[in-house]
């Protein structure tokens, strides 16, 4: 299953280390199937973290193709990766760019962590840039977030197949 990443910008009043209130707009990344679900998920996630009113000011489809989380990292870095393939008919090299997020403490660590994460790739790749991302946090989708309780009037297919030997 591929991820559909949406960047959600959220505006709220943040209290800085001096105790002053300051209006901020911060971007977050959410895995969702639609803009509607992205908005619902960002509200659910941020209600746990932000204990004041906030407003989602913008939701846009992100060009992030893959995530490399790292529990030792404290920021997200956006890396442009370039995969090189050869067209078998023409023999020409074709480069395709992808953008990935890497969690690390600095650009050097992000580059090294990404290189390690991509080391098993068969296709040659380059990493032309790694820059610090403004993304504050990332909320991937986890299967256990679904309510997988089966209604009483339905039975799992596996149970029916086990009882009948086949499925009709």
N, C-alpha and C. Protein backbone atom coordinates (compact mmCIF):
# COMPACT_ATOMS: atom_id res chain seq x y z
N UNK A 1 0.84 -1.18 0.00
CA UNK A 1 0.00 0.00 0.00
C UNK A 1 0.89 1.25 0.00
N UNK A 2 0.64 2.14 -0.94
CA UNK A 2 1.40 3.38 -0.99
C UNK A 2 0.76 4.43 -0.10
N UNK A 3 1.60 5.28 0.40
CA UNK A 3 1.10 6.35 1.24
C UNK A 3 0.69 7.54 0.39
N UNK A 4 -0.36 8.22 0.81
CA UNK A 4 -0.78 9.47 0.21
C UNK A 4 -0.54 10.55 1.24
N UNK A 5 0.51 11.32 1.05
CA UNK A 5 0.88 12.32 2.04
C UNK A 5 0.24 13.66 1.71
N UNK A 6 -0.33 14.27 2.74
CA UNK A 6 -0.92 15.60 2.63
C UNK A 6 -0.22 16.51 3.63
N UNK A 7 0.13 17.70 3.16
CA UNK A 7 0.72 18.69 4.06
C UNK A 7 -0.41 19.58 4.57
N UNK A 8 -0.55 19.63 5.88
CA UNK A 8 -1.59 20.42 6.52
C UNK A 8 -0.95 21.56 7.29
N UNK A 9 -1.36 22.79 6.97
CA UNK A 9 -0.85 23.95 7.70
C UNK A 9 -1.87 24.33 8.76
N UNK A 10 -1.36 24.50 9.97
CA UNK A 10 -2.21 24.74 11.13
C UNK A 10 -1.79 26.02 11.82
N UNK A 11 -2.77 26.88 12.10
CA UNK A 11 -2.50 28.15 12.77
C UNK A 11 -3.06 28.09 14.19
N UNK A 12 -2.24 28.54 15.15
CA UNK A 12 -2.67 28.58 16.54
C UNK A 12 -1.78 29.53 17.32
N UNK A 13 -2.15 29.79 18.57
CA UNK A 13 -1.37 30.66 19.43
C UNK A 13 -0.44 29.78 20.27
N UNK A 14 0.85 30.04 20.12
CA UNK A 14 1.86 29.26 20.82
C UNK A 14 2.50 30.15 21.89
N UNK A 15 2.82 29.58 23.03
CA UNK A 15 3.49 30.33 24.08
C UNK A 15 4.98 30.00 24.00
N UNK A 16 5.81 31.05 23.76
CA UNK A 16 7.25 30.81 23.62
C UNK A 16 7.92 30.64 24.98
N UNK A 17 9.23 30.44 24.96
CA UNK A 17 9.96 30.18 26.21
C UNK A 17 9.95 31.35 27.18
N UNK A 18 9.65 32.57 26.70
CA UNK A 18 9.54 33.75 27.56
C UNK A 18 8.13 33.95 28.11
N UNK A 19 7.21 33.06 27.73
CA UNK A 19 5.83 33.17 28.19
C UNK A 19 4.97 34.08 27.34
N UNK A 20 5.52 34.56 26.21
CA UNK A 20 4.76 35.43 25.32
C UNK A 20 3.94 34.60 24.35
N UNK A 21 2.74 35.10 24.08
CA UNK A 21 1.88 34.45 23.09
C UNK A 21 2.27 34.91 21.70
N UNK A 22 2.30 33.98 20.78
CA UNK A 22 2.69 34.29 19.41
C UNK A 22 1.85 33.44 18.46
N UNK A 23 1.26 34.06 17.44
CA UNK A 23 0.51 33.30 16.44
C UNK A 23 1.51 32.64 15.49
N UNK A 24 1.34 31.33 15.31
CA UNK A 24 2.23 30.59 14.41
C UNK A 24 1.40 29.76 13.44
N UNK A 25 2.00 29.50 12.28
CA UNK A 25 1.43 28.58 11.32
C UNK A 25 2.48 27.52 11.08
N UNK A 26 2.13 26.27 11.38
CA UNK A 26 3.09 25.18 11.29
C UNK A 26 2.57 24.09 10.35
N UNK A 27 3.46 23.53 9.52
CA UNK A 27 3.06 22.44 8.63
C UNK A 27 3.25 21.07 9.27
N UNK A 28 2.31 20.19 9.02
CA UNK A 28 2.37 18.80 9.48
C UNK A 28 2.10 17.91 8.28
N UNK A 29 2.60 16.68 8.31
CA UNK A 29 2.39 15.74 7.22
C UNK A 29 1.48 14.61 7.72
N UNK A 30 0.43 14.32 6.94
CA UNK A 30 -0.56 13.32 7.33
C UNK A 30 -0.75 12.34 6.18
N UNK A 31 -0.81 11.07 6.51
CA UNK A 31 -1.11 10.03 5.53
C UNK A 31 -2.63 9.84 5.52
N UNK A 32 -3.25 10.05 4.36
CA UNK A 32 -4.70 9.94 4.25
C UNK A 32 -5.07 9.59 2.81
N UNK A 33 -6.32 9.17 2.60
CA UNK A 33 -6.76 8.83 1.24
C UNK A 33 -7.41 10.00 0.52
N UNK A 34 -7.78 11.05 1.28
CA UNK A 34 -8.44 12.19 0.65
C UNK A 34 -8.17 13.45 1.47
N UNK A 35 -8.50 14.59 0.90
CA UNK A 35 -8.36 15.85 1.62
C UNK A 35 -9.25 15.86 2.86
N UNK A 36 -10.44 15.30 2.73
CA UNK A 36 -11.38 15.25 3.86
C UNK A 36 -10.81 14.42 5.00
N UNK A 37 -10.27 13.25 4.67
CA UNK A 37 -9.68 12.42 5.71
C UNK A 37 -8.45 13.08 6.31
N UNK A 38 -7.65 13.77 5.48
CA UNK A 38 -6.47 14.47 5.98
C UNK A 38 -6.87 15.51 7.02
N UNK A 39 -7.94 16.25 6.74
CA UNK A 39 -8.40 17.27 7.70
C UNK A 39 -8.90 16.61 8.99
N UNK A 40 -9.65 15.54 8.86
CA UNK A 40 -10.15 14.84 10.06
C UNK A 40 -8.99 14.28 10.88
N UNK A 41 -8.01 13.68 10.20
CA UNK A 41 -6.87 13.09 10.92
C UNK A 41 -6.01 14.15 11.60
N UNK A 42 -5.78 15.29 10.94
CA UNK A 42 -4.93 16.32 11.56
C UNK A 42 -5.63 16.87 12.80
N UNK A 43 -6.95 17.02 12.75
CA UNK A 43 -7.70 17.47 13.93
C UNK A 43 -7.55 16.45 15.06
N UNK A 44 -7.74 15.17 14.75
CA UNK A 44 -7.63 14.12 15.76
C UNK A 44 -6.24 14.10 16.40
N UNK A 45 -5.21 14.20 15.59
CA UNK A 45 -3.84 14.14 16.10
C UNK A 45 -3.48 15.37 16.92
N UNK A 46 -3.83 16.55 16.41
CA UNK A 46 -3.41 17.78 17.09
C UNK A 46 -4.22 18.10 18.34
N UNK A 47 -5.44 17.60 18.41
CA UNK A 47 -6.23 17.81 19.64
C UNK A 47 -5.52 17.19 20.84
N UNK A 48 -4.71 16.16 20.60
CA UNK A 48 -3.94 15.51 21.67
C UNK A 48 -2.72 16.36 22.07
N UNK A 49 -2.23 17.19 21.16
CA UNK A 49 -0.98 17.91 21.37
C UNK A 49 -1.16 19.40 21.67
N UNK A 50 -2.10 20.03 21.00
CA UNK A 50 -2.30 21.48 21.13
C UNK A 50 -3.53 21.70 22.01
N UNK A 51 -3.32 22.33 23.14
CA UNK A 51 -4.41 22.48 24.11
C UNK A 51 -5.05 23.87 24.04
N UNK A 52 -5.23 24.35 22.82
CA UNK A 52 -5.96 25.60 22.60
C UNK A 52 -6.61 25.48 21.23
N UNK A 53 -7.35 26.51 20.85
CA UNK A 53 -8.00 26.49 19.54
C UNK A 53 -6.95 26.55 18.43
N UNK A 54 -7.21 25.84 17.36
CA UNK A 54 -6.35 25.91 16.18
C UNK A 54 -7.23 25.81 14.95
N UNK A 55 -6.70 26.25 13.82
CA UNK A 55 -7.44 26.19 12.57
C UNK A 55 -6.53 25.63 11.48
N UNK A 56 -7.06 24.74 10.67
CA UNK A 56 -6.33 24.21 9.52
C UNK A 56 -6.52 25.21 8.40
N UNK A 57 -5.43 25.86 8.01
CA UNK A 57 -5.53 26.94 7.01
C UNK A 57 -5.30 26.47 5.59
N UNK A 58 -4.64 25.30 5.43
CA UNK A 58 -4.36 24.82 4.08
C UNK A 58 -4.05 23.33 4.11
N UNK A 59 -4.52 22.63 3.10
CA UNK A 59 -4.18 21.22 2.92
C UNK A 59 -3.78 21.06 1.46
N UNK A 60 -2.61 20.48 1.24
CA UNK A 60 -2.16 20.26 -0.13
C UNK A 60 -1.51 18.89 -0.25
N UNK A 61 -1.59 18.33 -1.43
CA UNK A 61 -0.97 17.03 -1.71
C UNK A 61 0.54 17.23 -1.66
N UNK A 62 1.23 16.34 -0.98
CA UNK A 62 2.68 16.44 -0.84
C UNK A 62 3.37 15.58 -1.89
N UNK A 63 4.59 15.98 -2.26
CA UNK A 63 5.35 15.19 -3.23
C UNK A 63 6.29 14.20 -2.54
N UNK A 64 6.12 13.98 -1.26
CA UNK A 64 6.94 13.02 -0.51
C UNK A 64 6.54 11.61 -0.94
N UNK A 65 7.55 10.80 -1.31
CA UNK A 65 7.25 9.44 -1.74
C UNK A 65 7.58 8.41 -0.66
N UNK A 66 8.50 8.76 0.24
CA UNK A 66 8.89 7.79 1.27
C UNK A 66 9.39 8.50 2.51
N UNK A 67 9.26 7.82 3.63
CA UNK A 67 9.65 8.36 4.93
C UNK A 67 10.74 7.48 5.53
N UNK A 68 11.72 8.13 6.15
CA UNK A 68 12.76 7.41 6.87
C UNK A 68 12.81 7.95 8.30
N UNK A 69 11.91 7.43 9.16
CA UNK A 69 11.91 7.89 10.55
C UNK A 69 13.13 7.36 11.29
N UNK A 70 13.57 8.12 12.28
CA UNK A 70 14.73 7.75 13.07
C UNK A 70 14.49 8.25 14.48
N UNK A 71 14.35 7.35 15.43
CA UNK A 71 14.01 7.75 16.80
C UNK A 71 15.07 8.65 17.44
N UNK A 72 16.29 8.66 16.91
CA UNK A 72 17.34 9.53 17.44
C UNK A 72 17.31 10.92 16.83
N UNK A 73 16.51 11.11 15.78
CA UNK A 73 16.44 12.41 15.11
C UNK A 73 15.47 13.35 15.80
N UNK A 74 15.70 14.65 15.62
CA UNK A 74 14.79 15.62 16.24
C UNK A 74 14.15 16.57 15.23
N UNK A 75 14.50 16.46 13.95
CA UNK A 75 13.92 17.29 12.89
C UNK A 75 13.75 16.45 11.64
N UNK A 76 12.95 16.99 10.72
CA UNK A 76 12.74 16.32 9.44
C UNK A 76 13.52 17.05 8.36
N UNK A 77 14.15 16.29 7.48
CA UNK A 77 14.91 16.82 6.36
C UNK A 77 14.32 16.27 5.08
N UNK A 78 14.19 17.15 4.08
CA UNK A 78 13.66 16.74 2.79
C UNK A 78 14.83 16.47 1.86
N UNK A 79 14.85 15.26 1.31
CA UNK A 79 15.94 14.85 0.42
C UNK A 79 15.41 14.62 -0.98
N UNK A 80 16.09 15.19 -1.93
CA UNK A 80 15.78 14.94 -3.34
C UNK A 80 16.66 13.77 -3.77
N UNK A 81 16.02 12.70 -4.21
CA UNK A 81 16.76 11.53 -4.68
C UNK A 81 16.49 11.36 -6.17
N UNK A 82 17.51 10.95 -6.87
CA UNK A 82 17.42 10.79 -8.31
C UNK A 82 17.78 9.35 -8.66
N UNK A 83 16.82 8.60 -9.18
CA UNK A 83 17.06 7.22 -9.59
C UNK A 83 17.37 7.19 -11.08
N UNK A 84 18.40 6.45 -11.45
CA UNK A 84 18.85 6.40 -12.84
C UNK A 84 18.50 5.03 -13.42
N UNK A 85 17.71 5.05 -14.50
CA UNK A 85 17.38 3.81 -15.20
C UNK A 85 17.77 3.98 -16.67
N UNK A 86 17.95 2.86 -17.36
CA UNK A 86 18.31 2.90 -18.77
C UNK A 86 17.16 2.34 -19.58
N UNK A 87 16.70 3.12 -20.57
CA UNK A 87 15.65 2.67 -21.47
C UNK A 87 16.26 1.59 -22.37
N UNK A 88 15.71 0.38 -22.31
CA UNK A 88 16.30 -0.74 -23.05
C UNK A 88 16.22 -0.56 -24.56
N UNK A 89 15.19 0.10 -25.06
CA UNK A 89 15.04 0.28 -26.50
C UNK A 89 16.02 1.32 -27.04
N UNK A 90 16.06 2.48 -26.39
CA UNK A 90 16.90 3.57 -26.91
C UNK A 90 18.30 3.57 -26.31
N UNK A 91 18.46 2.90 -25.16
CA UNK A 91 19.76 2.90 -24.50
C UNK A 91 20.06 4.19 -23.74
N UNK A 92 19.09 5.09 -23.68
CA UNK A 92 19.30 6.36 -23.00
C UNK A 92 19.02 6.24 -21.50
N UNK A 93 19.80 7.03 -20.74
CA UNK A 93 19.57 7.09 -19.29
C UNK A 93 18.35 7.96 -19.02
N UNK A 94 17.57 7.52 -18.06
CA UNK A 94 16.41 8.30 -17.65
C UNK A 94 16.52 8.50 -16.14
N UNK A 95 16.40 9.75 -15.72
CA UNK A 95 16.47 10.07 -14.30
C UNK A 95 15.07 10.42 -13.81
N UNK A 96 14.71 9.86 -12.67
CA UNK A 96 13.43 10.23 -12.07
C UNK A 96 13.69 10.71 -10.64
N UNK A 97 13.13 11.87 -10.34
CA UNK A 97 13.32 12.48 -9.03
C UNK A 97 12.23 12.05 -8.07
N UNK A 98 12.62 11.80 -6.85
CA UNK A 98 11.70 11.50 -5.76
C UNK A 98 12.10 12.34 -4.57
N UNK A 99 11.13 12.64 -3.73
CA UNK A 99 11.41 13.41 -2.52
C UNK A 99 11.07 12.56 -1.32
N UNK A 100 12.01 12.53 -0.38
CA UNK A 100 11.84 11.70 0.80
C UNK A 100 12.09 12.53 2.05
N UNK A 101 11.43 12.16 3.13
CA UNK A 101 11.66 12.82 4.41
C UNK A 101 12.49 11.91 5.28
N UNK A 102 13.53 12.50 5.89
CA UNK A 102 14.43 11.75 6.76
C UNK A 102 14.48 12.46 8.10
N UNK A 103 14.30 11.70 9.16
CA UNK A 103 14.38 12.27 10.50
C UNK A 103 15.82 12.15 10.99
N UNK A 104 16.41 13.27 11.39
CA UNK A 104 17.81 13.28 11.83
C UNK A 104 18.07 14.53 12.66
N UNK A 105 19.32 14.68 13.11
CA UNK A 105 19.71 15.85 13.90
C UNK A 105 20.35 16.95 13.07
N UNK A 106 20.89 16.57 11.90
CA UNK A 106 21.52 17.55 11.02
C UNK A 106 21.56 17.00 9.59
N UNK A 107 21.98 17.83 8.65
CA UNK A 107 21.98 17.44 7.24
C UNK A 107 22.89 16.24 7.00
N UNK A 108 24.06 16.25 7.61
CA UNK A 108 25.02 15.15 7.43
C UNK A 108 24.41 13.82 7.89
N UNK A 109 23.81 13.80 9.07
CA UNK A 109 23.17 12.58 9.57
C UNK A 109 22.02 12.15 8.67
N UNK A 110 21.25 13.11 8.17
CA UNK A 110 20.13 12.79 7.29
C UNK A 110 20.64 12.13 6.01
N UNK A 111 21.70 12.69 5.43
CA UNK A 111 22.29 12.12 4.21
C UNK A 111 22.78 10.70 4.46
N UNK A 112 23.50 10.50 5.56
CA UNK A 112 24.04 9.18 5.88
C UNK A 112 22.92 8.17 6.17
N UNK A 113 21.90 8.60 6.90
CA UNK A 113 20.79 7.71 7.23
C UNK A 113 20.01 7.32 5.97
N UNK A 114 19.81 8.27 5.07
CA UNK A 114 19.11 7.99 3.81
C UNK A 114 19.94 7.06 2.94
N UNK A 115 21.23 7.32 2.83
CA UNK A 115 22.12 6.46 2.03
C UNK A 115 22.07 5.04 2.55
N UNK A 116 22.10 4.88 3.86
CA UNK A 116 22.01 3.55 4.47
C UNK A 116 20.66 2.91 4.17
N UNK A 117 19.58 3.70 4.26
CA UNK A 117 18.23 3.19 4.00
C UNK A 117 18.01 2.76 2.57
N UNK A 118 18.72 3.40 1.63
CA UNK A 118 18.57 3.07 0.21
C UNK A 118 19.65 2.11 -0.28
N UNK A 119 20.53 1.65 0.60
CA UNK A 119 21.69 0.85 0.20
C UNK A 119 21.33 -0.47 -0.49
N UNK A 120 20.14 -1.00 -0.24
CA UNK A 120 19.76 -2.26 -0.88
C UNK A 120 19.06 -2.07 -2.23
N UNK A 121 19.03 -0.84 -2.71
CA UNK A 121 18.41 -0.56 -4.02
C UNK A 121 19.26 -1.15 -5.14
N UNK A 122 18.61 -1.75 -6.12
CA UNK A 122 19.31 -2.30 -7.27
C UNK A 122 19.59 -1.19 -8.28
N UNK A 123 18.67 -0.25 -8.38
CA UNK A 123 18.79 0.87 -9.31
C UNK A 123 19.77 1.89 -8.74
N UNK A 124 20.71 2.38 -9.56
CA UNK A 124 21.63 3.42 -9.06
C UNK A 124 20.85 4.69 -8.70
N UNK A 125 21.35 5.40 -7.68
CA UNK A 125 20.68 6.62 -7.26
C UNK A 125 21.70 7.67 -6.85
N UNK A 126 21.25 8.91 -6.87
CA UNK A 126 22.04 10.03 -6.40
C UNK A 126 21.18 10.80 -5.40
N UNK A 127 21.82 11.53 -4.51
CA UNK A 127 21.10 12.40 -3.58
C UNK A 127 21.64 13.81 -3.80
N UNK A 128 21.02 14.56 -4.74
CA UNK A 128 21.55 15.89 -5.06
C UNK A 128 21.32 16.94 -3.98
N UNK A 129 20.32 16.75 -3.11
CA UNK A 129 20.12 17.76 -2.07
C UNK A 129 19.42 17.20 -0.84
N UNK A 130 19.81 17.75 0.30
CA UNK A 130 19.17 17.46 1.58
C UNK A 130 19.04 18.80 2.29
N UNK A 131 17.80 19.18 2.60
CA UNK A 131 17.58 20.46 3.29
C UNK A 131 16.64 20.25 4.47
N UNK A 132 16.78 21.11 5.46
CA UNK A 132 15.89 21.01 6.61
C UNK A 132 14.47 21.36 6.17
N UNK A 133 13.53 20.56 6.61
CA UNK A 133 12.13 20.76 6.26
C UNK A 133 11.42 21.53 7.37
N UNK A 134 10.43 22.33 7.02
CA UNK A 134 9.65 23.01 8.05
C UNK A 134 8.63 22.10 8.74
N UNK A 135 8.46 20.86 8.24
CA UNK A 135 7.49 19.92 8.80
C UNK A 135 7.76 19.73 10.29
N UNK A 136 6.73 19.94 11.10
CA UNK A 136 6.86 19.82 12.55
C UNK A 136 6.73 18.38 13.03
N UNK A 137 5.81 17.64 12.40
CA UNK A 137 5.59 16.25 12.80
C UNK A 137 4.93 15.50 11.66
N UNK A 138 5.02 14.20 11.69
CA UNK A 138 4.47 13.34 10.64
C UNK A 138 3.53 12.34 11.29
N UNK A 139 2.36 12.16 10.67
CA UNK A 139 1.36 11.23 11.19
C UNK A 139 1.05 10.16 10.14
N UNK A 140 1.81 9.05 10.16
CA UNK A 140 1.53 7.97 9.22
C UNK A 140 0.24 7.25 9.60
N UNK A 141 -0.30 6.51 8.67
CA UNK A 141 -1.50 5.72 8.92
C UNK A 141 -1.07 4.37 9.46
N UNK A 142 -1.71 3.91 10.52
CA UNK A 142 -1.45 2.59 11.06
C UNK A 142 -2.72 1.77 10.97
N UNK A 143 -2.58 0.54 10.52
CA UNK A 143 -3.74 -0.34 10.32
C UNK A 143 -4.57 -0.47 11.59
N UNK A 144 -3.92 -0.47 12.76
CA UNK A 144 -4.68 -0.65 13.99
C UNK A 144 -5.55 0.55 14.34
N UNK A 145 -5.45 1.63 13.53
CA UNK A 145 -6.34 2.78 13.75
C UNK A 145 -7.75 2.47 13.27
N UNK A 146 -7.85 1.48 12.39
CA UNK A 146 -9.17 1.09 11.88
C UNK A 146 -9.93 0.34 12.96
N UNK A 147 -11.23 0.51 12.95
CA UNK A 147 -12.05 -0.29 13.85
C UNK A 147 -12.35 -1.58 13.10
N UNK A 148 -11.67 -2.65 13.45
CA UNK A 148 -11.80 -3.90 12.72
C UNK A 148 -12.81 -4.85 13.34
N UNK A 149 -13.68 -4.33 14.20
CA UNK A 149 -14.70 -5.16 14.81
C UNK A 149 -15.73 -5.54 13.75
N UNK A 150 -16.06 -6.82 13.69
CA UNK A 150 -16.99 -7.31 12.67
C UNK A 150 -18.40 -7.29 13.24
N UNK A 151 -19.35 -6.66 12.50
CA UNK A 151 -20.74 -6.64 12.97
C UNK A 151 -21.28 -8.06 13.15
N UNK A 152 -22.24 -8.22 14.08
CA UNK A 152 -22.78 -9.54 14.42
C UNK A 152 -23.41 -10.27 13.23
N UNK A 153 -23.99 -9.53 12.29
CA UNK A 153 -24.67 -10.17 11.16
C UNK A 153 -23.70 -10.61 10.05
N UNK A 154 -22.40 -10.33 10.20
CA UNK A 154 -21.41 -10.72 9.19
C UNK A 154 -20.39 -11.68 9.79
N UNK A 155 -19.83 -12.51 8.90
CA UNK A 155 -18.78 -13.45 9.33
C UNK A 155 -17.56 -13.25 8.43
N UNK A 156 -16.36 -13.48 8.97
CA UNK A 156 -15.16 -13.39 8.13
C UNK A 156 -15.18 -14.47 7.05
N UNK A 157 -14.68 -14.16 5.86
CA UNK A 157 -14.64 -15.10 4.74
C UNK A 157 -13.87 -16.36 5.15
N UNK A 158 -12.76 -16.19 5.88
CA UNK A 158 -11.95 -17.35 6.29
C UNK A 158 -12.78 -18.34 7.12
N UNK A 159 -13.68 -17.83 7.94
CA UNK A 159 -14.52 -18.69 8.77
C UNK A 159 -15.51 -19.47 7.91
N UNK A 160 -16.08 -18.84 6.91
CA UNK A 160 -17.03 -19.50 6.01
C UNK A 160 -16.31 -20.57 5.20
N UNK A 161 -15.12 -20.22 4.67
CA UNK A 161 -14.34 -21.18 3.88
C UNK A 161 -13.96 -22.39 4.73
N UNK A 162 -13.60 -22.18 5.98
CA UNK A 162 -13.22 -23.28 6.87
C UNK A 162 -14.39 -24.22 7.12
N UNK A 163 -15.61 -23.68 7.20
CA UNK A 163 -16.80 -24.49 7.46
C UNK A 163 -17.31 -25.23 6.23
N UNK A 164 -17.12 -24.66 5.05
CA UNK A 164 -17.68 -25.27 3.84
C UNK A 164 -16.62 -25.90 2.95
N UNK A 165 -15.37 -25.55 3.17
CA UNK A 165 -14.30 -26.09 2.32
C UNK A 165 -14.06 -25.24 1.08
N UNK A 166 -15.01 -24.41 0.72
CA UNK A 166 -14.83 -23.48 -0.39
C UNK A 166 -15.73 -22.27 -0.18
N UNK A 167 -15.58 -21.31 -1.02
CA UNK A 167 -16.37 -20.08 -0.90
C UNK A 167 -17.27 -19.97 -2.10
N UNK A 168 -18.58 -19.81 -1.85
CA UNK A 168 -19.53 -19.70 -2.97
C UNK A 168 -20.16 -18.35 -2.99
